[in-house]
Amino acid sequence: MAARRLWALLAALRAGWCLLPQAGYLHPDEFFQSPEVMAGDILNLQVYYPWEFLSSSPCRTVVFPLMTSGVTYWVVKSLQQLNICSSCINSYTLLVSPRLLFTIFSFVLDYSVYRLAPSWEADPWKALVLLAGSYVTLVFYTRTFTNTLEGLLFALLLVLVSSNKSDSSSVKPTSSPLIGIVTTAGFFNRPTFLAFALMPLLYWAGLNVDSQKSIKTIVNPLLKLITCACFTAIVFITADTLYFTSVGLDNFYSIKKSSLFHVIAQLNHKMVVTPLNFLSYNLNPHNLAQHGSHPRVTHFTVNGIMLFGILHILAVGAGLKMLKKYIYQLLWVKSYYRGSPRVFVHSKGHPKLLLFYFVPLAFLSLFSHQEPRFLIPLILPLVLFSTSQNRAMKWKPVIIIFNILGALVFGWLHQGGLIPCLFQLEHLMHSPGSSNHTRHYTLLFAHTYMPPRSLLNIKKKDTHIEVIDMAGSEEETLCQTVGQQAKNFTCNDCHFFVIIPGTVRATITKCGVLLKNETLIFPHLSMEDPPKISFLFSENWRSQLGLYILQLGRDHQSP
């Protein structure tokens, strides 16, 4: 009963923190792989389209962005058009509405754990508490990542392949079409989904073969799976082809309303298969190097621990122990067990769960670009394994402290000033005083993550607002750009803001520009420009963990 109440409390925390909202900014992909694109297409806002969504290099399917951020933005837009909500479109709703949908979807994980736990001799409610208390669930699964959708589809696939046993020996034939649909959808969302799907599909195939008595009953589910997979692929290819060849959602809709012959001609002209483009790009080491290269053991030695802490270490220990035992059995007692490896498969400790965890991890480790978020789908088999036989109970204090720190760092501190900064700038630019006459704004971001323009709520027709992203520019380049912009003031109502972390705030002072006003947003932790430990114990420690909005005055030499 206590576990149920604790899970309910953690579930409420997940939803409440999403609405608060979470200020931490994990990675630009949480915006630029879905909300930013849909805000431009549906709400007609000024946005930055990433290269993956350009018609010249389509590497991301548009289906899932349309079904998630697209739907939420369409609802918000409809509410405003119907005068149900006069100012529905603002920075808060633009941020929270897609996140809220993903937060609702995240409970697919909870459902999956509840369904799967008894099959793996784990207490369902203890497993749910471990899942809901993980900062990965609280932070990553409430964000608009394609990795989040990958994790949800992986969870559904595990449920489907595990629930196709209505009793100890029979297989439900109805599961194979759904397995085909989920697998194909996961592949189009992220081709790396095949790494996660491999072991569940082999597990399902093994159950199917063991429970059937004829070739026909074995082949029929496989044919249904392939048929549904092909149909799902056709749907994705059609949607992506129409979107990318028409360049944008407006033309996409116009094509949908046109004749069937025109649609067929469009498909024949240029068929877009985004997963193949994705693989072609990512299999090139030079392309991956542009996004950062890591040692092949980064997932095993760093990212797994960063995400899951002691649970990853326990899984690695158990995996090595079982591997050692399996090798020993094969080499020394093979004759005793008549050469059958089933002793290992059915041995204590559920090695299948370890395979569900380590096989995808091993495949992902083949690529040189390794980010922690790539591993978030693995939380489900890890939670089930850790809860079975109460492995995690003795480490309860460590798990609690680890997840509290993880939630604070990634959900609150990490790049935590940028989202509130965009909220403040959006409010400033759309305040009643600024609507009486046109004000010109120049917003220069330096040493921050890429700012999602959509949160500024700027219509495409509004040309009086300019956003400049200097990323991690060197001091000389930054000062040159800031100085040039300060000299370009051509009106008395021009406003120039520089947004920069406190750790590099002194750079603007060195640029020799006139500072009119400054605002400190706390907290903001930049791992690219981390604060010095000694400064954290000084009187100005808040400035080292803050983001500055600097309003520069008009250069006296300007006309």
Protein backbone atom coordinates (compact mmCIF):
# COMPACT_ATOMS: atom_id res chain seq x y z
CA MET A 1 0.00 0.00 0.00
CA ALA A 2 2.87 2.36 0.81
CA ALA A 3 4.46 1.63 -2.57
CA ARG A 4 1.22 2.52 -4.35
CA ARG A 5 0.96 5.85 -2.55
CA LEU A 6 4.60 6.62 -3.26
CA TRP A 7 4.15 5.84 -6.97
CA ALA A 8 1.07 8.12 -7.07
CA LEU A 9 3.11 10.90 -5.46
CA LEU A 10 5.93 10.48 -7.95
CA ALA A 11 3.47 10.38 -10.85
CA ALA A 12 1.96 13.66 -9.62
CA LEU A 13 5.47 15.12 -9.35
CA ARG A 14 6.13 14.12 -12.97
CA ALA A 15 3.02 15.89 -14.23
CA GLY A 16 3.37 18.88 -11.89
CA TRP A 17 7.00 19.52 -12.73
CA CYS A 18 6.12 19.45 -16.41
CA LEU A 19 3.50 22.17 -15.86
CA LEU A 20 5.73 24.25 -13.59
CA PRO A 21 7.68 24.01 -16.06
CA GLN A 22 11.11 22.37 -15.92
CA ALA A 23 13.73 25.00 -16.70
CA GLY A 24 16.62 22.66 -17.51
CA TYR A 25 17.64 22.46 -21.16
CA LEU A 26 19.04 18.99 -21.89
CA HIS A 27 19.97 19.15 -25.57
CA PRO A 28 18.92 21.21 -28.61
CA ASP A 29 17.34 18.11 -30.18
CA GLU A 30 14.48 18.29 -27.67
CA PHE A 31 13.32 21.38 -29.56
CA PHE A 32 14.76 21.11 -33.04
CA GLN A 33 13.53 17.59 -33.86
CA SER A 34 9.86 18.36 -33.31
CA PRO A 35 8.42 21.52 -31.62
CA GLU A 36 10.54 24.05 -33.49
CA VAL A 37 9.66 22.56 -36.89
CA MET A 38 5.94 22.29 -36.13
CA ALA A 39 5.80 25.82 -34.69
CA GLY A 40 7.01 27.11 -38.04
CA ASP A 41 4.70 24.93 -40.10
CA ILE A 42 1.48 25.16 -38.07
CA LEU A 43 1.75 28.42 -36.14
CA ASN A 44 3.66 30.32 -38.84
CA LEU A 45 6.34 31.43 -36.38
CA GLN A 46 9.92 32.36 -37.10
CA VAL A 47 11.94 29.24 -36.38
CA TYR A 48 15.23 27.62 -37.22
CA TYR A 49 14.76 24.55 -39.41
CA PRO A 50 17.50 21.97 -38.73
CA TRP A 51 19.22 20.38 -41.69
CA GLU A 52 17.42 17.04 -41.12
CA PHE A 53 14.11 18.68 -42.06
CA LEU A 54 15.32 20.44 -45.20
CA SER A 55 14.09 19.05 -48.49
CA SER A 56 17.69 18.73 -49.66
CA SER A 57 18.61 16.33 -46.80
CA PRO A 58 15.50 14.73 -45.24
CA CYS A 59 16.71 12.44 -42.44
CA ARG A 60 13.81 12.65 -39.98
CA THR A 61 10.27 11.47 -40.50
CA VAL A 62 7.64 14.17 -40.20
CA VAL A 63 4.96 11.73 -39.02
CA PHE A 64 5.83 11.74 -35.33
CA PRO A 65 6.38 15.52 -35.08
CA LEU A 66 2.95 15.96 -36.68
CA MET A 67 1.34 13.46 -34.30
CA THR A 68 2.88 15.03 -31.19
CA SER A 69 3.94 18.68 -31.28
CA GLY A 70 1.85 19.24 -34.41
CA VAL A 71 -1.35 18.08 -32.72
CA THR A 72 -0.77 20.15 -29.59
CA TYR A 73 0.01 23.28 -31.58
CA TRP A 74 -3.04 22.73 -33.78
CA VAL A 75 -5.20 22.52 -30.63
CA VAL A 76 -3.67 25.71 -29.20
CA LYS A 77 -4.14 27.49 -32.53
CA SER A 78 -7.76 26.35 -32.78
CA LEU A 79 -8.54 27.54 -29.25
CA GLN A 80 -7.20 30.99 -30.10
CA GLN A 81 -9.03 31.16 -33.44
CA LEU A 82 -12.30 30.22 -31.72
CA ASN A 83 -11.72 33.01 -29.15
CA ILE A 84 -11.86 30.44 -26.38
CA CYS A 85 -8.45 31.64 -25.33
CA SER A 86 -7.45 35.06 -26.67
CA SER A 87 -3.73 34.65 -25.98
CA CYS A 88 -3.24 30.90 -26.06
CA ILE A 89 -0.11 31.14 -28.16
CA ASN A 90 2.67 32.28 -25.86
CA SER A 91 6.05 31.04 -24.75
CA TYR A 92 4.56 28.98 -21.90
CA THR A 93 2.07 27.05 -24.03
CA LEU A 94 4.62 26.66 -26.82
CA LEU A 95 6.95 24.96 -24.35
CA VAL A 96 4.55 23.05 -22.13
CA SER A 97 1.86 21.75 -24.50
CA PRO A 98 4.14 19.30 -26.39
CA ARG A 99 5.89 18.35 -23.15
CA LEU A 100 2.56 17.65 -21.49
CA LEU A 101 1.60 15.25 -24.26
CA PHE A 102 4.93 13.45 -23.89
CA THR A 103 4.42 13.34 -20.12
CA ILE A 104 1.06 11.66 -20.65
CA PHE A 105 2.68 9.24 -23.08
CA SER A 106 5.38 8.48 -20.50
CA PHE A 107 2.85 6.53 -18.46
CA VAL A 108 3.09 3.89 -21.17
CA LEU A 109 6.31 3.00 -19.34
CA ASP A 110 4.42 2.59 -16.07
CA TYR A 111 1.78 0.44 -17.74
CA SER A 112 4.47 -1.70 -19.35
CA VAL A 113 6.32 -2.24 -16.08
CA TYR A 114 3.08 -3.16 -14.31
CA ARG A 115 2.24 -5.68 -17.03
CA LEU A 116 5.72 -7.18 -17.33
CA ALA A 117 6.85 -7.32 -13.68
CA PRO A 118 5.01 -10.55 -12.73
CA SER A 119 6.52 -12.35 -15.74
CA TRP A 120 10.00 -11.60 -14.42
CA GLU A 121 9.29 -12.32 -10.74
CA ALA A 122 9.38 -8.64 -9.80
CA ASP A 123 6.96 -6.86 -7.51
CA PRO A 124 4.91 -4.55 -9.79
CA TRP A 125 4.58 -1.67 -7.35
CA LYS A 126 8.19 -1.73 -6.24
CA ALA A 127 9.19 -1.71 -9.90
CA LEU A 128 6.84 1.21 -10.55
CA VAL A 129 8.36 3.20 -7.69
CA LEU A 130 11.87 2.55 -9.00
CA LEU A 131 10.78 3.64 -12.47
CA ALA A 132 8.82 6.72 -11.39
CA GLY A 133 11.57 7.80 -8.99
CA SER A 134 14.27 7.71 -11.65
CA TYR A 135 15.35 11.13 -12.84
CA VAL A 136 15.44 9.65 -16.35
CA THR A 137 11.66 9.25 -16.17
CA LEU A 138 11.11 12.61 -14.50
CA VAL A 139 13.30 14.59 -16.88
CA PHE A 140 14.04 12.77 -20.13
CA TYR A 141 10.65 11.12 -20.60
CA THR A 142 8.84 14.44 -20.23
CA ARG A 143 10.85 16.03 -23.06
CA THR A 144 10.20 16.01 -26.80
CA PHE A 145 13.07 13.75 -27.82
CA THR A 146 12.85 11.12 -30.53
CA ASN A 147 14.70 8.98 -27.97
CA THR A 148 11.67 9.32 -25.68
CA LEU A 149 9.38 7.94 -28.39
CA GLU A 150 11.95 5.21 -29.04
CA GLY A 151 11.75 4.21 -25.38
CA LEU A 152 7.95 4.14 -25.40
CA LEU A 153 7.83 2.02 -28.54
CA PHE A 154 10.45 -0.32 -27.05
CA ALA A 155 8.26 -0.69 -23.96
CA LEU A 156 5.21 -1.48 -26.11
CA LEU A 157 7.21 -4.03 -28.07
CA LEU A 158 8.31 -5.77 -24.86
CA VAL A 159 4.69 -5.93 -23.72
CA LEU A 160 3.57 -7.36 -27.05
CA VAL A 161 6.23 -10.06 -27.26
CA SER A 162 5.77 -10.99 -23.58
CA SER A 163 1.98 -10.97 -23.60
CA ASN A 164 1.64 -13.25 -26.59
CA LYS A 165 1.47 -16.13 -24.17
CA SER A 166 -2.11 -16.49 -23.01
CA ASP A 167 -0.94 -19.47 -20.98
CA SER A 168 2.33 -21.30 -20.60
CA SER A 169 2.35 -22.72 -24.09
CA SER A 170 0.08 -20.93 -26.55
CA VAL A 171 0.76 -17.82 -28.59
CA LYS A 172 -1.78 -15.14 -29.38
CA PRO A 173 -1.81 -14.70 -33.15
CA THR A 174 -3.21 -11.18 -32.87
CA SER A 175 0.07 -9.81 -31.50
CA SER A 176 2.10 -10.27 -34.70
CA PRO A 177 0.42 -7.43 -36.69
CA LEU A 178 0.94 -5.02 -33.79
CA ILE A 179 4.55 -6.12 -33.44
CA GLY A 180 5.08 -5.36 -37.14
CA ILE A 181 3.51 -1.91 -36.81
CA VAL A 182 5.45 -0.95 -33.67
CA THR A 183 8.77 -2.20 -35.06
CA THR A 184 8.38 -0.31 -38.33
CA ALA A 185 7.20 2.86 -36.59
CA GLY A 186 10.19 2.66 -34.26
CA PHE A 187 12.53 2.22 -37.23
CA PHE A 188 11.17 5.33 -38.95
CA ASN A 189 11.33 7.31 -35.71
CA ARG A 190 14.97 6.31 -35.16
CA PRO A 191 16.68 3.56 -37.20
CA THR A 192 18.61 2.64 -34.06
CA PHE A 193 15.34 1.12 -32.84
CA LEU A 194 16.37 -2.08 -34.61
CA ALA A 195 19.10 -2.49 -31.99
CA PHE A 196 16.46 -2.40 -29.25
CA ALA A 197 13.98 -4.57 -31.17
CA LEU A 198 16.40 -7.37 -32.05
CA MET A 199 16.23 -9.39 -28.82
CA PRO A 200 12.45 -8.93 -28.26
CA LEU A 201 11.81 -10.10 -31.84
CA LEU A 202 14.04 -13.13 -31.37
CA TYR A 203 12.30 -13.85 -28.07
CA TRP A 204 8.90 -13.65 -29.79
CA ALA A 205 10.08 -15.88 -32.63
CA GLY A 206 11.35 -18.46 -30.12
CA LEU A 207 8.04 -18.52 -28.29
CA ASN A 208 6.20 -18.80 -31.58
CA VAL A 209 8.29 -21.77 -32.74
CA ASP A 210 8.14 -23.57 -29.39
CA SER A 211 4.35 -23.32 -29.13
CA GLN A 212 3.36 -24.34 -32.67
CA LYS A 213 3.18 -27.82 -34.11
CA SER A 214 3.17 -27.18 -37.85
CA ILE A 215 5.04 -25.07 -40.37
CA LYS A 216 1.83 -23.29 -41.35
CA THR A 217 1.08 -22.07 -37.83
CA ILE A 218 4.67 -20.84 -37.54
CA VAL A 219 4.69 -18.99 -40.87
CA ASN A 220 1.25 -17.34 -40.56
CA PRO A 221 2.17 -14.94 -37.68
CA LEU A 222 5.41 -14.07 -39.48
CA LEU A 223 3.53 -13.24 -42.69
CA LYS A 224 1.10 -11.05 -40.74
CA LEU A 225 4.02 -9.24 -39.13
CA ILE A 226 5.72 -8.61 -42.47
CA THR A 227 2.48 -7.48 -44.14
CA CYS A 228 1.69 -4.95 -41.41
CA ALA A 229 5.30 -3.78 -41.35
CA CYS A 230 5.22 -3.13 -45.10
CA PHE A 231 1.90 -1.29 -44.89
CA THR A 232 3.21 0.91 -42.05
CA ALA A 233 6.36 1.67 -44.04
CA ILE A 234 4.25 2.74 -47.03
CA VAL A 235 2.30 5.16 -44.82
CA PHE A 236 5.50 6.74 -43.49
CA ILE A 237 7.16 6.93 -46.91
CA THR A 238 4.06 8.50 -48.46
CA ALA A 239 3.74 11.14 -45.73
CA ASP A 240 7.45 11.99 -45.77
CA THR A 241 7.58 12.16 -49.57
CA LEU A 242 4.60 14.49 -49.76
CA TYR A 243 6.00 16.71 -47.00
CA PHE A 244 9.58 17.03 -48.19
CA THR A 245 8.84 17.29 -51.90
CA SER A 246 6.23 19.98 -51.25
CA VAL A 247 8.59 21.81 -48.85
CA GLY A 248 6.45 22.58 -45.85
CA LEU A 249 3.11 21.84 -44.30
CA ASP A 250 1.04 24.39 -46.25
CA ASN A 251 1.94 22.81 -49.58
CA PHE A 252 1.65 19.40 -47.95
CA TYR A 253 -2.01 20.07 -47.24
CA SER A 254 -2.63 21.39 -50.73
CA ILE A 255 -1.21 18.18 -52.18
CA LYS A 256 -3.44 16.12 -49.94
CA LYS A 257 -6.45 17.88 -51.41
CA SER A 258 -5.32 17.42 -54.99
CA SER A 259 -6.09 14.54 -57.28
CA LEU A 260 -4.90 11.02 -56.66
CA PHE A 261 -2.95 11.10 -59.91
CA HIS A 262 -1.00 14.15 -58.76
CA VAL A 263 -0.12 12.40 -55.50
CA ILE A 264 1.10 9.31 -57.36
CA ALA A 265 3.15 11.50 -59.70
CA GLN A 266 4.70 13.22 -56.68
CA LEU A 267 5.67 9.86 -55.19
CA ASN A 268 7.16 8.65 -58.46
CA HIS A 269 9.11 11.88 -58.86
CA LYS A 270 11.13 11.50 -55.67
CA MET A 271 10.44 8.89 -53.02
CA VAL A 272 11.77 9.95 -49.60
CA VAL A 273 12.82 7.15 -47.25
CA THR A 274 14.13 9.06 -44.25
CA PRO A 275 15.64 6.09 -42.33
CA LEU A 276 17.87 5.24 -45.29
CA ASN A 277 19.06 8.86 -45.45
CA PHE A 278 19.63 8.76 -41.69
CA LEU A 279 21.72 5.61 -41.93
CA SER A 280 23.65 6.89 -44.94
CA TYR A 281 24.61 10.01 -43.01
CA ASN A 282 25.43 8.37 -39.69
CA LEU A 283 27.43 5.50 -41.14
CA ASN A 284 29.92 8.06 -42.44
CA PRO A 285 32.55 8.59 -39.70
CA HIS A 286 33.32 12.11 -40.96
CA ASN A 287 29.67 13.14 -40.44
CA LEU A 288 29.59 11.71 -36.93
CA ALA A 289 32.82 13.48 -36.07
CA GLN A 290 31.08 16.82 -36.66
CA HIS A 291 28.73 16.01 -33.78
CA GLY A 292 31.49 14.75 -31.51
CA SER A 293 33.47 11.52 -31.35
CA HIS A 294 33.69 9.41 -28.21
CA PRO A 295 35.54 6.23 -27.22
CA ARG A 296 33.54 3.09 -28.00
CA VAL A 297 33.28 2.26 -24.29
CA THR A 298 31.59 5.57 -23.37
CA HIS A 299 28.11 4.03 -23.12
CA PHE A 300 29.36 1.23 -20.87
CA THR A 301 31.67 3.24 -18.62
CA VAL A 302 30.15 6.74 -18.52
CA ASN A 303 26.67 7.17 -19.98
CA GLY A 304 25.14 4.11 -18.34
CA ILE A 305 26.34 5.26 -14.92
CA MET A 306 25.31 8.87 -15.60
CA LEU A 307 21.74 7.81 -16.38
CA PHE A 308 21.14 4.82 -14.11
CA GLY A 309 23.83 4.98 -11.44
CA ILE A 310 24.18 1.90 -9.27
CA LEU A 311 21.57 0.01 -11.32
CA HIS A 312 23.89 0.00 -14.32
CA ILE A 313 26.80 -1.16 -12.18
CA LEU A 314 24.70 -3.99 -10.71
CA ALA A 315 23.63 -5.06 -14.20
CA VAL A 316 27.22 -5.06 -15.45
CA GLY A 317 28.29 -7.15 -12.45
CA ALA A 318 25.45 -9.62 -12.94
CA GLY A 319 26.14 -9.81 -16.66
CA LEU A 320 29.81 -10.60 -16.15
CA LYS A 321 28.95 -13.22 -13.55
CA MET A 322 26.42 -14.93 -15.84
CA LEU A 323 28.78 -14.76 -18.81
CA LYS A 324 31.51 -16.38 -16.74
CA LYS A 325 29.11 -19.08 -15.59
CA TYR A 326 27.90 -19.72 -19.13
CA ILE A 327 31.44 -20.04 -20.49
CA TYR A 328 32.32 -22.38 -17.63
CA GLN A 329 29.33 -24.59 -18.38
CA LEU A 330 30.14 -24.72 -22.07
CA LEU A 331 33.78 -25.62 -21.52
CA TRP A 332 33.70 -27.92 -18.52
CA VAL A 333 30.28 -29.47 -18.01
CA LYS A 334 28.90 -29.52 -21.55
CA SER A 335 28.76 -33.29 -21.59
CA TYR A 336 26.91 -33.38 -18.27
CA TYR A 337 24.16 -31.15 -19.66
CA ARG A 338 24.19 -33.02 -22.99
CA GLY A 339 25.44 -29.99 -24.87
CA SER A 340 22.30 -27.93 -24.24
CA PRO A 341 22.73 -24.24 -23.40
CA ARG A 342 19.24 -24.14 -21.89
CA VAL A 343 20.73 -24.45 -18.41
CA PHE A 344 22.00 -20.90 -18.79
CA VAL A 345 18.84 -19.58 -20.40
CA HIS A 346 16.67 -20.86 -17.59
CA SER A 347 19.15 -20.20 -14.84
CA LYS A 348 18.40 -17.98 -11.91
CA GLY A 349 18.57 -14.26 -12.58
CA HIS A 350 16.63 -13.84 -15.85
CA PRO A 351 19.50 -13.48 -18.33
CA LYS A 352 16.97 -12.52 -21.03
CA LEU A 353 16.46 -9.19 -19.26
CA LEU A 354 20.21 -8.66 -19.34
CA LEU A 355 20.19 -9.43 -23.05
CA PHE A 356 17.38 -6.89 -23.56
CA TYR A 357 19.67 -4.39 -21.82
CA PHE A 358 23.17 -5.20 -23.08
CA VAL A 359 22.53 -6.17 -26.71
CA PRO A 360 21.17 -2.71 -27.67
CA LEU A 361 23.90 -1.08 -25.59
CA ALA A 362 26.53 -3.08 -27.45
CA PHE A 363 25.12 -2.19 -30.87
CA LEU A 364 24.94 1.51 -30.00
CA SER A 365 28.54 1.35 -28.81
CA LEU A 366 29.64 0.51 -32.36
CA PHE A 367 29.08 4.16 -33.31
CA SER A 368 31.62 6.79 -32.30
CA HIS A 369 29.01 9.41 -31.41
CA GLN A 370 27.61 8.41 -28.00
CA GLU A 371 25.28 10.59 -25.97
CA PRO A 372 23.56 9.57 -22.71
CA ARG A 373 20.04 10.10 -24.08
CA PHE A 374 20.60 7.33 -26.63
CA LEU A 375 20.32 4.85 -23.73
CA ILE A 376 17.11 6.05 -22.08
CA PRO A 377 14.96 3.28 -23.66
CA LEU A 378 16.95 0.76 -21.59
CA ILE A 379 15.39 1.92 -18.34
CA LEU A 380 12.55 -0.61 -18.60
CA PRO A 381 14.54 -3.88 -18.72
CA LEU A 382 16.96 -2.43 -16.17
CA VAL A 383 14.16 -1.61 -13.72
CA LEU A 384 12.66 -5.08 -14.11
CA PHE A 385 16.02 -6.75 -13.61
CA SER A 386 16.89 -4.59 -10.59
CA THR A 387 13.52 -5.23 -8.92
CA SER A 388 13.53 -8.98 -9.44
CA GLN A 389 15.06 -10.73 -6.41
CA ASN A 390 15.09 -7.30 -4.68
CA ARG A 391 18.54 -6.47 -6.05
CA ALA A 392 18.06 -2.73 -5.65
CA MET A 393 16.68 -2.71 -2.11
CA LYS A 394 20.04 -2.72 -0.31
CA TRP A 395 21.10 0.30 -2.38
CA LYS A 396 17.96 2.31 -1.64
CA PRO A 397 19.71 5.37 -0.04
CA VAL A 398 22.23 5.55 -2.90
CA ILE A 399 19.45 5.35 -5.51
CA ILE A 400 17.42 8.12 -3.82
CA ILE A 401 20.36 10.52 -3.52
CA PHE A 402 21.53 9.80 -7.06
CA ASN A 403 18.11 10.53 -8.60
CA ILE A 404 17.55 13.69 -6.55
CA LEU A 405 20.91 15.04 -7.71
CA GLY A 406 20.22 13.97 -11.31
CA ALA A 407 16.81 15.66 -11.30
CA LEU A 408 18.23 18.89 -9.90
CA VAL A 409 21.20 19.03 -12.26
CA PHE A 410 19.44 18.09 -15.50
CA GLY A 411 15.91 19.26 -14.75
CA TRP A 412 16.77 22.58 -13.11
CA LEU A 413 20.44 23.62 -13.34
CA HIS A 414 21.73 22.51 -16.74
CA GLN A 415 21.38 25.48 -19.12
CA GLY A 416 18.55 26.39 -16.75
CA GLY A 417 18.52 30.12 -17.44
CA LEU A 418 17.87 29.97 -21.18
CA ILE A 419 14.18 28.99 -21.11
CA PRO A 420 13.25 31.63 -18.45
CA CYS A 421 15.30 34.12 -20.47
CA LEU A 422 13.25 33.41 -23.61
CA PHE A 423 10.06 33.72 -21.56
CA GLN A 424 11.18 37.13 -20.29
CA LEU A 425 12.19 38.37 -23.73
CA GLU A 426 8.94 37.15 -25.27
CA HIS A 427 6.97 39.00 -22.59
CA LEU A 428 9.04 42.14 -23.17
CA MET A 429 8.61 42.12 -26.95
CA HIS A 430 4.86 41.44 -26.74
CA SER A 431 4.07 43.80 -23.87
CA PRO A 432 1.22 46.31 -24.46
CA GLY A 433 3.65 49.21 -24.62
CA SER A 434 5.52 47.69 -27.54
CA SER A 435 2.38 47.21 -29.63
CA ASN A 436 1.66 50.94 -30.05
CA HIS A 437 4.63 51.45 -32.33
CA THR A 438 7.27 49.24 -33.89
CA ARG A 439 10.29 48.51 -31.79
CA HIS A 440 13.36 46.87 -33.27
CA TYR A 441 15.05 44.14 -31.27
CA THR A 442 18.38 42.42 -31.77
CA LEU A 443 18.94 39.39 -29.57
CA LEU A 444 22.46 37.98 -29.53
CA PHE A 445 23.04 34.64 -27.76
CA ALA A 446 26.59 33.60 -26.91
CA HIS A 447 27.94 30.51 -25.15
CA THR A 448 24.47 29.02 -24.65
CA TYR A 449 22.68 26.11 -26.26
CA MET A 450 20.93 26.99 -29.49
CA PRO A 451 17.89 29.12 -28.52
CA PRO A 452 14.58 27.77 -29.87
CA ARG A 453 13.20 30.77 -31.77
CA SER A 454 9.67 29.44 -31.48
CA LEU A 455 9.55 30.33 -27.77
CA LEU A 456 9.96 34.00 -28.69
CA ASN A 457 6.59 33.78 -30.47
CA ILE A 458 7.64 35.87 -33.47
CA LYS A 459 5.47 35.71 -36.57
CA LYS A 460 7.24 35.12 -39.88
CA LYS A 461 5.97 38.46 -41.17
CA ASP A 462 7.61 40.33 -38.26
CA THR A 463 10.95 41.53 -39.58
CA HIS A 464 11.80 43.94 -36.78
CA ILE A 465 13.25 41.20 -34.55
CA GLU A 466 16.63 39.64 -35.28
CA VAL A 467 18.09 36.64 -33.49
CA ILE A 468 21.84 36.00 -33.68
CA ASP A 469 23.30 32.78 -32.32
CA MET A 470 27.04 33.08 -31.73
CA ALA A 471 27.26 29.64 -30.06
CA GLY A 472 30.71 29.26 -28.46
CA SER A 473 32.49 32.00 -30.43
CA GLU A 474 35.93 33.16 -29.38
CA GLU A 475 36.29 36.46 -27.54
CA GLU A 476 37.64 38.37 -30.55
CA THR A 477 34.81 37.23 -32.85
CA LEU A 478 32.19 37.93 -30.21
CA CYS A 479 33.46 41.45 -29.50
CA GLN A 480 33.66 42.23 -33.20
CA THR A 481 30.03 41.20 -33.72
CA VAL A 482 28.78 42.98 -30.60
CA GLY A 483 30.63 46.16 -31.53
CA GLN A 484 29.29 46.10 -35.07
CA GLN A 485 25.72 45.61 -33.89
CA ALA A 486 26.05 48.42 -31.35
CA LYS A 487 27.13 50.78 -34.11
CA ASN A 488 24.26 49.77 -36.36
CA PHE A 489 21.54 51.41 -34.28
CA THR A 490 19.54 53.41 -36.81
CA CYS A 491 16.60 54.44 -34.65
CA ASN A 492 15.87 55.80 -31.21
CA ASP A 493 13.70 52.77 -30.43
CA CYS A 494 16.21 50.04 -31.24
CA HIS A 495 17.03 47.56 -28.49
CA PHE A 496 20.09 45.34 -28.41
CA PHE A 497 20.33 42.48 -25.91
CA VAL A 498 23.23 40.11 -25.34
CA ILE A 499 22.47 36.85 -23.54
CA ILE A 500 25.57 35.26 -22.03
CA PRO A 501 26.46 33.03 -19.04
CA GLY A 502 27.97 34.63 -15.96
CA THR A 503 31.17 32.62 -16.36
CA VAL A 504 32.02 34.57 -19.53
CA ARG A 505 30.24 37.80 -18.59
CA ALA A 506 33.55 39.67 -18.37
CA THR A 507 34.02 39.23 -22.12
CA ILE A 508 31.34 41.85 -22.85
CA THR A 509 33.07 44.32 -20.55
CA LYS A 510 36.26 43.85 -22.54
CA CYS A 511 34.37 44.65 -25.74
CA GLY A 512 34.14 48.30 -24.65
CA VAL A 513 30.41 48.72 -25.34
CA LEU A 514 27.96 50.83 -23.35
CA LEU A 515 25.94 48.77 -20.89
CA LYS A 516 22.46 50.15 -20.29
CA ASN A 517 20.88 47.48 -18.12
CA GLU A 518 21.51 43.92 -16.96
CA THR A 519 19.34 41.14 -15.58
CA LEU A 520 20.62 37.98 -13.89
CA ILE A 521 18.60 34.78 -14.27
CA PHE A 522 19.46 32.13 -11.69
CA PRO A 523 20.32 29.27 -11.92
CA HIS A 524 22.19 28.46 -15.12
CA LEU A 525 24.94 25.85 -15.30
CA SER A 526 26.96 25.74 -18.50
CA MET A 527 29.12 22.64 -18.73
CA GLU A 528 30.81 24.12 -21.81
CA ASP A 529 31.88 27.13 -19.71
CA PRO A 530 31.79 25.73 -16.17
CA PRO A 531 32.32 27.96 -13.15
CA LYS A 532 35.60 27.81 -11.30
CA ILE A 533 35.28 26.10 -7.93
CA SER A 534 37.01 29.00 -6.15
CA PHE A 535 34.44 31.48 -7.49
CA LEU A 536 31.56 29.39 -6.09
CA PHE A 537 32.78 30.26 -2.57
CA SER A 538 33.07 33.99 -3.28
CA GLU A 539 30.48 36.72 -2.79
CA ASN A 540 29.61 36.67 -6.50
CA TRP A 541 28.85 32.94 -6.63
CA ARG A 542 25.36 33.55 -8.00
CA SER A 543 26.77 35.27 -11.06
CA GLN A 544 28.84 32.15 -11.83
CA LEU A 545 25.65 30.08 -11.81
CA GLY A 546 23.53 32.58 -13.71
CA LEU A 547 22.65 33.79 -17.18
CA TYR A 548 22.85 37.50 -17.95
CA ILE A 549 20.53 39.48 -20.19
CA LEU A 550 22.61 42.55 -21.02
CA GLN A 551 20.92 45.49 -22.69
CA LEU A 552 23.50 47.52 -24.53
CA GLY A 553 23.12 51.24 -25.01
CA ARG A 554 23.39 53.13 -28.26
CA ASP A 555 26.94 53.80 -29.40
CA HIS A 556 27.66 57.54 -29.14
CA GLN A 557 29.19 57.53 -32.59
CA SER A 558 26.01 56.16 -34.14
CA PRO A 559 23.73 58.64 -35.95
